[in-house]
């Protein structure tokens, strides 16, 4: 099939409107590109679930802090297009920053209307070190929802905090969209797939393997009956490579996102680290 790569919002709206006339269900896979097997798993789920599939590829500037990697974030549209075509995607929506936010816009909350998730959901975990990140992420996702009008949207569980915030946004704004979480995809050695893995040197990647090993150890101990999160955390620290800089290791109820002292079913165990200069996140759900 010949995939359509559309850059204009009105082109996407027109195409989707025609699909809806034919009663096709539409699935959206929002991405920032540099697609890997994790993204492929989302696309495959979308294809299984919906009649038509849209993949958005947009490196969203308003979710990057000034000291983050926006300028060097990998942009591989040609390669991404080939993968999407192989997987049977109907449309890639690859807009410019100007198309999404307007020419000459300052990309700040003095010039744009932002979605502001609840403070208690963003003043923790990734939000602590990335101020404004989730405002930017929620804003672009809502824009994509309004442009594509999907029946389903597919998100990876690796960005668990973002997933929770998006689900809450959909509920709070009464959006008629079903959010479909999809499991983390890992390399054979356990490393969670991420577009940022390409930044890692061979040694940094080797060190990063201890991140998933730490989570797997926690799950092993939990399955043995240990629920005290302090004991689980202390035990996990014996696994984490000493050359890894830990940002956080937290236990959260994945229904309420409240911290838990005693782990239980549906507890999110989330971790963020730096291996070298590369920030990585990972999680499991008990």
Protein backbone atom coordinates (compact mmCIF):
# COMPACT_ATOMS: atom_id res chain seq x y z
CA UNK A 1 0.00 0.00 0.00
CA UNK A 2 1.03 3.62 -0.50
CA UNK A 3 0.95 5.41 2.83
CA UNK A 4 -0.15 9.04 3.00
CA UNK A 5 2.18 11.40 4.86
CA UNK A 6 0.14 14.49 5.67
CA UNK A 7 1.56 17.71 7.09
CA UNK A 8 -1.57 19.85 7.30
CA UNK A 9 -4.24 19.68 9.99
CA UNK A 10 -7.09 20.26 7.54
CA UNK A 11 -5.90 17.39 5.33
CA UNK A 12 -6.10 14.99 8.27
CA UNK A 13 -9.50 16.29 9.36
CA UNK A 14 -10.88 15.91 5.84
CA UNK A 15 -9.59 12.35 5.48
CA UNK A 16 -10.92 11.26 8.86
CA UNK A 17 -14.28 12.91 8.16
CA UNK A 18 -14.59 10.77 5.03
CA UNK A 19 -13.69 7.65 7.02
CA UNK A 20 -16.35 8.45 9.58
CA UNK A 21 -18.94 8.79 6.81
CA UNK A 22 -18.18 5.16 5.99
CA UNK A 23 -18.51 4.23 9.69
CA UNK A 24 -14.84 3.29 9.99
CA UNK A 25 -13.35 3.24 13.49
CA UNK A 26 -10.15 5.27 13.79
CA UNK A 27 -7.12 4.52 15.94
CA UNK A 28 -4.42 7.05 16.81
CA UNK A 29 -0.85 6.22 17.85
CA UNK A 30 0.79 9.47 19.02
CA UNK A 31 4.61 9.39 18.75
CA UNK A 32 7.63 11.65 18.52
CA UNK A 33 9.13 9.45 15.84
CA UNK A 34 12.37 7.45 15.94
CA UNK A 35 10.06 4.45 15.90
CA UNK A 36 11.13 1.09 17.36
CA UNK A 37 9.56 -2.25 18.24
CA UNK A 38 7.67 -0.67 21.12
CA UNK A 39 5.92 1.72 18.76
CA UNK A 40 5.36 -1.16 16.34
CA UNK A 41 3.48 -3.03 19.07
CA UNK A 42 1.16 -0.02 19.51
CA UNK A 43 0.57 0.19 15.77
CA UNK A 44 -0.19 -3.53 15.55
CA UNK A 45 -2.71 -3.20 18.40
CA UNK A 46 -4.31 -0.25 16.62
CA UNK A 47 -4.54 -2.27 13.40
CA UNK A 48 -6.18 -5.15 15.27
CA UNK A 49 -8.68 -2.85 16.95
CA UNK A 50 -9.62 -0.26 14.33
CA UNK A 51 -10.55 0.00 10.68
CA UNK A 52 -8.14 2.88 10.03
CA UNK A 53 -4.90 3.84 11.78
CA UNK A 54 -3.19 7.22 12.09
CA UNK A 55 0.35 7.56 13.46
CA UNK A 56 1.37 11.08 14.45
CA UNK A 57 5.08 11.93 14.33
CA UNK A 58 5.82 15.22 16.03
CA UNK A 59 8.69 16.17 18.33
CA UNK A 60 6.70 18.43 20.61
CA UNK A 61 8.77 21.42 21.76
CA UNK A 62 6.46 22.46 24.58
CA UNK A 63 7.12 19.30 26.59
CA UNK A 64 10.90 19.84 26.63
CA UNK A 65 12.58 22.00 29.26
CA UNK A 66 15.29 24.44 28.06
CA UNK A 67 18.09 22.12 29.25
CA UNK A 68 16.65 18.99 27.61
CA UNK A 69 17.38 17.26 24.32
CA UNK A 70 14.80 18.80 21.96
CA UNK A 71 17.35 19.85 19.33
CA UNK A 72 19.16 16.51 19.28
CA UNK A 73 16.10 14.27 19.68
CA UNK A 74 16.33 11.72 16.83
CA UNK A 75 14.29 12.61 13.76
CA UNK A 76 14.06 9.71 11.29
CA UNK A 77 10.92 10.37 9.25
CA UNK A 78 12.00 8.39 6.18
CA UNK A 79 12.80 5.30 8.23
CA UNK A 80 9.64 5.77 10.31
CA UNK A 81 7.54 6.03 7.15
CA UNK A 82 8.96 2.76 5.85
CA UNK A 83 8.08 0.97 9.11
CA UNK A 84 4.57 2.42 9.14
CA UNK A 85 4.03 1.36 5.54
CA UNK A 86 5.19 -2.18 6.33
CA UNK A 87 2.74 -2.32 9.23
CA UNK A 88 -0.19 -1.08 7.15
CA UNK A 89 -0.68 2.37 8.67
CA UNK A 90 -3.12 4.49 6.66
CA UNK A 91 -1.85 7.97 7.50
CA UNK A 92 1.21 9.52 9.07
CA UNK A 93 0.49 12.98 10.41
CA UNK A 94 3.85 14.79 10.51
CA UNK A 95 3.16 18.48 11.06
CA UNK A 96 5.64 21.30 11.51
CA UNK A 97 5.83 23.24 14.77
CA UNK A 98 4.28 26.19 12.94
CA UNK A 99 1.37 24.04 11.77
CA UNK A 100 0.67 22.84 15.30
CA UNK A 101 1.23 26.06 17.22
CA UNK A 102 1.21 28.93 14.73
CA UNK A 103 3.94 30.90 13.01
CA UNK A 104 6.03 33.08 15.30
CA UNK A 105 4.44 31.71 18.44
CA UNK A 106 6.61 31.92 21.54
CA UNK A 107 5.54 28.42 22.65
CA UNK A 108 4.94 29.52 26.22
CA UNK A 109 1.90 29.78 28.46
CA UNK A 110 1.93 33.54 27.85
CA UNK A 111 1.07 32.87 24.21
CA UNK A 112 -0.64 29.46 24.16
CA UNK A 113 -3.57 27.90 25.94
CA UNK A 114 -2.16 24.94 27.86
CA UNK A 115 -3.77 21.92 29.47
CA UNK A 116 -2.76 21.94 33.15
CA UNK A 117 -3.08 18.50 34.79
CA UNK A 118 -3.77 18.34 38.54
CA UNK A 119 -0.81 19.57 40.56
CA UNK A 120 -0.55 16.42 42.65
CA UNK A 121 -0.07 14.37 39.46
CA UNK A 122 2.73 16.52 38.04
CA UNK A 123 4.62 17.57 41.19
CA UNK A 124 6.06 14.08 41.58
CA UNK A 125 8.17 11.52 39.76
CA UNK A 126 9.08 12.79 36.26
CA UNK A 127 7.31 16.09 36.86
CA UNK A 128 9.77 16.99 39.63
CA UNK A 129 12.76 17.15 37.30
CA UNK A 130 10.83 18.16 34.18
CA UNK A 131 8.73 21.22 35.10
CA UNK A 132 6.10 21.93 32.47
CA UNK A 133 6.62 18.59 30.75
CA UNK A 134 3.19 17.17 31.44
CA UNK A 135 1.44 20.45 30.62
CA UNK A 136 3.12 20.27 27.21
CA UNK A 137 2.40 16.56 26.74
CA UNK A 138 -1.27 16.87 27.70
CA UNK A 139 -1.66 19.93 25.47
CA UNK A 140 -0.29 18.27 22.35
CA UNK A 141 -2.26 15.08 22.98
CA UNK A 142 -5.51 17.04 23.32
CA UNK A 143 -4.68 18.88 20.08
CA UNK A 144 -4.06 15.54 18.34
CA UNK A 145 -7.35 14.18 19.69
CA UNK A 146 -9.18 17.22 18.30
CA UNK A 147 -7.43 16.96 14.93
CA UNK A 148 -7.76 13.19 14.40
CA UNK A 149 -11.02 12.52 16.30
CA UNK A 150 -9.97 8.93 17.06
CA UNK A 151 -12.21 6.31 18.59
CA UNK A 152 -9.16 4.73 20.24
CA UNK A 153 -5.73 6.06 21.20
CA UNK A 154 -2.81 3.77 22.00
CA UNK A 155 -0.14 4.57 24.58
CA UNK A 156 2.77 2.56 25.94
CA UNK A 157 2.89 1.69 29.63
CA UNK A 158 6.54 2.78 29.88
CA UNK A 159 5.37 6.39 30.23
CA UNK A 160 3.07 5.36 33.08
CA UNK A 161 2.70 8.81 34.63
CA UNK A 162 1.79 10.30 31.25
CA UNK A 163 -0.63 7.44 30.61
CA UNK A 164 -2.40 8.10 33.92
CA UNK A 165 -2.61 11.85 33.20
CA UNK A 166 -3.99 11.28 29.68
CA UNK A 167 -6.63 8.88 30.97
CA UNK A 168 -7.67 11.44 33.57
CA UNK A 169 -7.79 14.21 30.97
CA UNK A 170 -10.07 12.11 28.78
CA UNK A 171 -12.36 11.46 31.73
CA UNK A 172 -12.37 15.04 33.04
CA UNK A 173 -12.99 16.57 29.60
CA UNK A 174 -15.67 13.99 28.71
CA UNK A 175 -13.85 12.96 25.56
CA UNK A 176 -15.41 10.09 23.64
CA UNK A 177 -12.09 8.29 23.18
CA UNK A 178 -11.00 4.94 24.55
CA UNK A 179 -7.42 4.94 25.84
CA UNK A 180 -5.71 1.62 25.19
CA UNK A 181 -2.60 0.99 27.34
CA UNK A 182 -0.05 -1.36 25.80
CA UNK A 183 2.67 -3.35 27.61
CA UNK A 184 6.31 -2.30 27.70
CA UNK A 185 8.40 -3.93 24.99
CA UNK A 186 11.91 -4.96 26.04
CA UNK A 187 15.11 -6.11 24.44
CA UNK A 188 16.06 -9.74 25.08
CA UNK A 189 18.30 -8.56 27.93
CA UNK A 190 15.42 -6.70 29.63
CA UNK A 191 16.19 -3.11 28.66
CA UNK A 192 12.97 -1.22 27.98
CA UNK A 193 12.86 0.07 24.41
CA UNK A 194 13.25 3.83 24.10
CA UNK A 195 14.21 6.22 21.33
CA UNK A 196 16.77 7.64 23.75
CA UNK A 197 18.60 4.31 24.01
CA UNK A 198 20.52 5.37 20.91
CA UNK A 199 22.31 7.95 23.07
CA UNK A 200 23.87 5.26 25.28
CA UNK A 201 27.47 4.16 24.90
CA UNK A 202 28.12 0.42 25.11
CA UNK A 203 29.14 0.72 28.78
CA UNK A 204 26.22 3.01 29.65
CA UNK A 205 23.84 0.54 28.07
CA UNK A 206 25.39 -2.29 30.06
CA UNK A 207 24.97 -0.29 33.25
CA UNK A 208 21.37 0.49 32.34
CA UNK A 209 20.46 -3.22 32.35
CA UNK A 210 20.40 -3.02 36.14
CA UNK A 211 17.30 -0.80 35.93
CA UNK A 212 14.98 -3.55 34.72
CA UNK A 213 16.83 -6.06 36.92
CA UNK A 214 15.99 -3.87 39.91
CA UNK A 215 12.31 -3.89 39.01
CA UNK A 216 12.28 -7.63 38.38
CA UNK A 217 13.89 -8.20 41.79
CA UNK A 218 11.14 -6.16 43.44
CA UNK A 219 8.49 -8.23 41.67
CA UNK A 220 10.26 -11.44 42.73
CA UNK A 221 10.29 -10.35 46.38
CA UNK A 222 6.68 -9.19 46.20
CA UNK A 223 5.66 -12.58 44.81
CA UNK A 224 7.43 -14.13 47.80
CA UNK A 225 5.10 -12.18 50.09
CA UNK A 226 7.14 -9.07 50.92
CA UNK A 227 4.95 -5.97 50.68
CA UNK A 228 6.78 -3.35 52.80
CA UNK A 229 7.99 -0.82 50.21
CA UNK A 230 11.01 0.17 52.32
CA UNK A 231 12.23 -3.41 52.44
CA UNK A 232 11.56 -3.80 48.71
CA UNK A 233 13.43 -0.56 47.96
CA UNK A 234 16.43 -1.42 50.14
CA UNK A 235 16.68 -4.85 48.53
CA UNK A 236 16.44 -3.35 45.07
CA UNK A 237 19.31 -0.98 45.72
CA UNK A 238 21.65 -3.94 45.99
CA UNK A 239 20.90 -4.62 42.29
CA UNK A 240 21.15 -1.12 40.82
CA UNK A 241 24.52 -0.42 39.20
CA UNK A 242 26.58 2.08 41.21
CA UNK A 243 27.37 4.05 38.05
CA UNK A 244 23.66 4.73 37.55
CA UNK A 245 22.33 8.01 38.97
CA UNK A 246 18.95 7.32 40.58
CA UNK A 247 16.34 10.07 40.25
CA UNK A 248 13.46 8.23 41.91
CA UNK A 249 12.07 4.81 42.74
CA UNK A 250 8.43 5.05 43.74
CA UNK A 251 5.48 2.84 44.55
CA UNK A 252 2.10 4.23 43.47
CA UNK A 253 -1.44 2.88 43.43
CA UNK A 254 -2.15 2.79 39.70
CA UNK A 255 -5.86 3.43 40.33
CA UNK A 256 -5.38 6.62 42.38
CA UNK A 257 -1.69 7.45 41.84
CA UNK A 258 -1.30 7.84 45.59
CA UNK A 259 1.91 6.61 47.22
CA UNK A 260 1.64 3.22 48.90
CA UNK A 261 3.52 1.93 51.93
CA UNK A 262 2.45 -1.68 51.47
CA UNK A 263 2.60 -2.97 47.91
CA UNK A 264 -0.52 -4.69 46.60
CA UNK A 265 -2.12 -5.72 43.34
CA UNK A 266 -2.03 -2.93 40.73
CA UNK A 267 0.86 -1.12 42.43
CA UNK A 268 3.02 0.77 39.94
CA UNK A 269 6.73 0.52 40.66
CA UNK A 270 8.36 3.30 38.66
CA UNK A 271 12.01 4.26 38.32
CA UNK A 272 13.94 7.05 36.62
CA UNK A 273 17.73 7.13 36.27
CA UNK A 274 20.54 8.65 34.31
CA UNK A 275 23.05 6.40 32.63
CA UNK A 276 25.76 8.82 31.60
CA UNK A 277 23.80 11.84 30.42
CA UNK A 278 20.82 9.84 29.18
CA UNK A 279 17.65 9.86 31.25
CA UNK A 280 15.76 6.56 31.24
CA UNK A 281 12.48 5.50 32.80
CA UNK A 282 10.99 2.07 33.38
CA UNK A 283 8.27 0.45 35.50
CA UNK A 284 6.35 -2.66 36.33
CA UNK A 285 2.87 -3.17 37.73
CA UNK A 286 2.58 -5.72 40.50
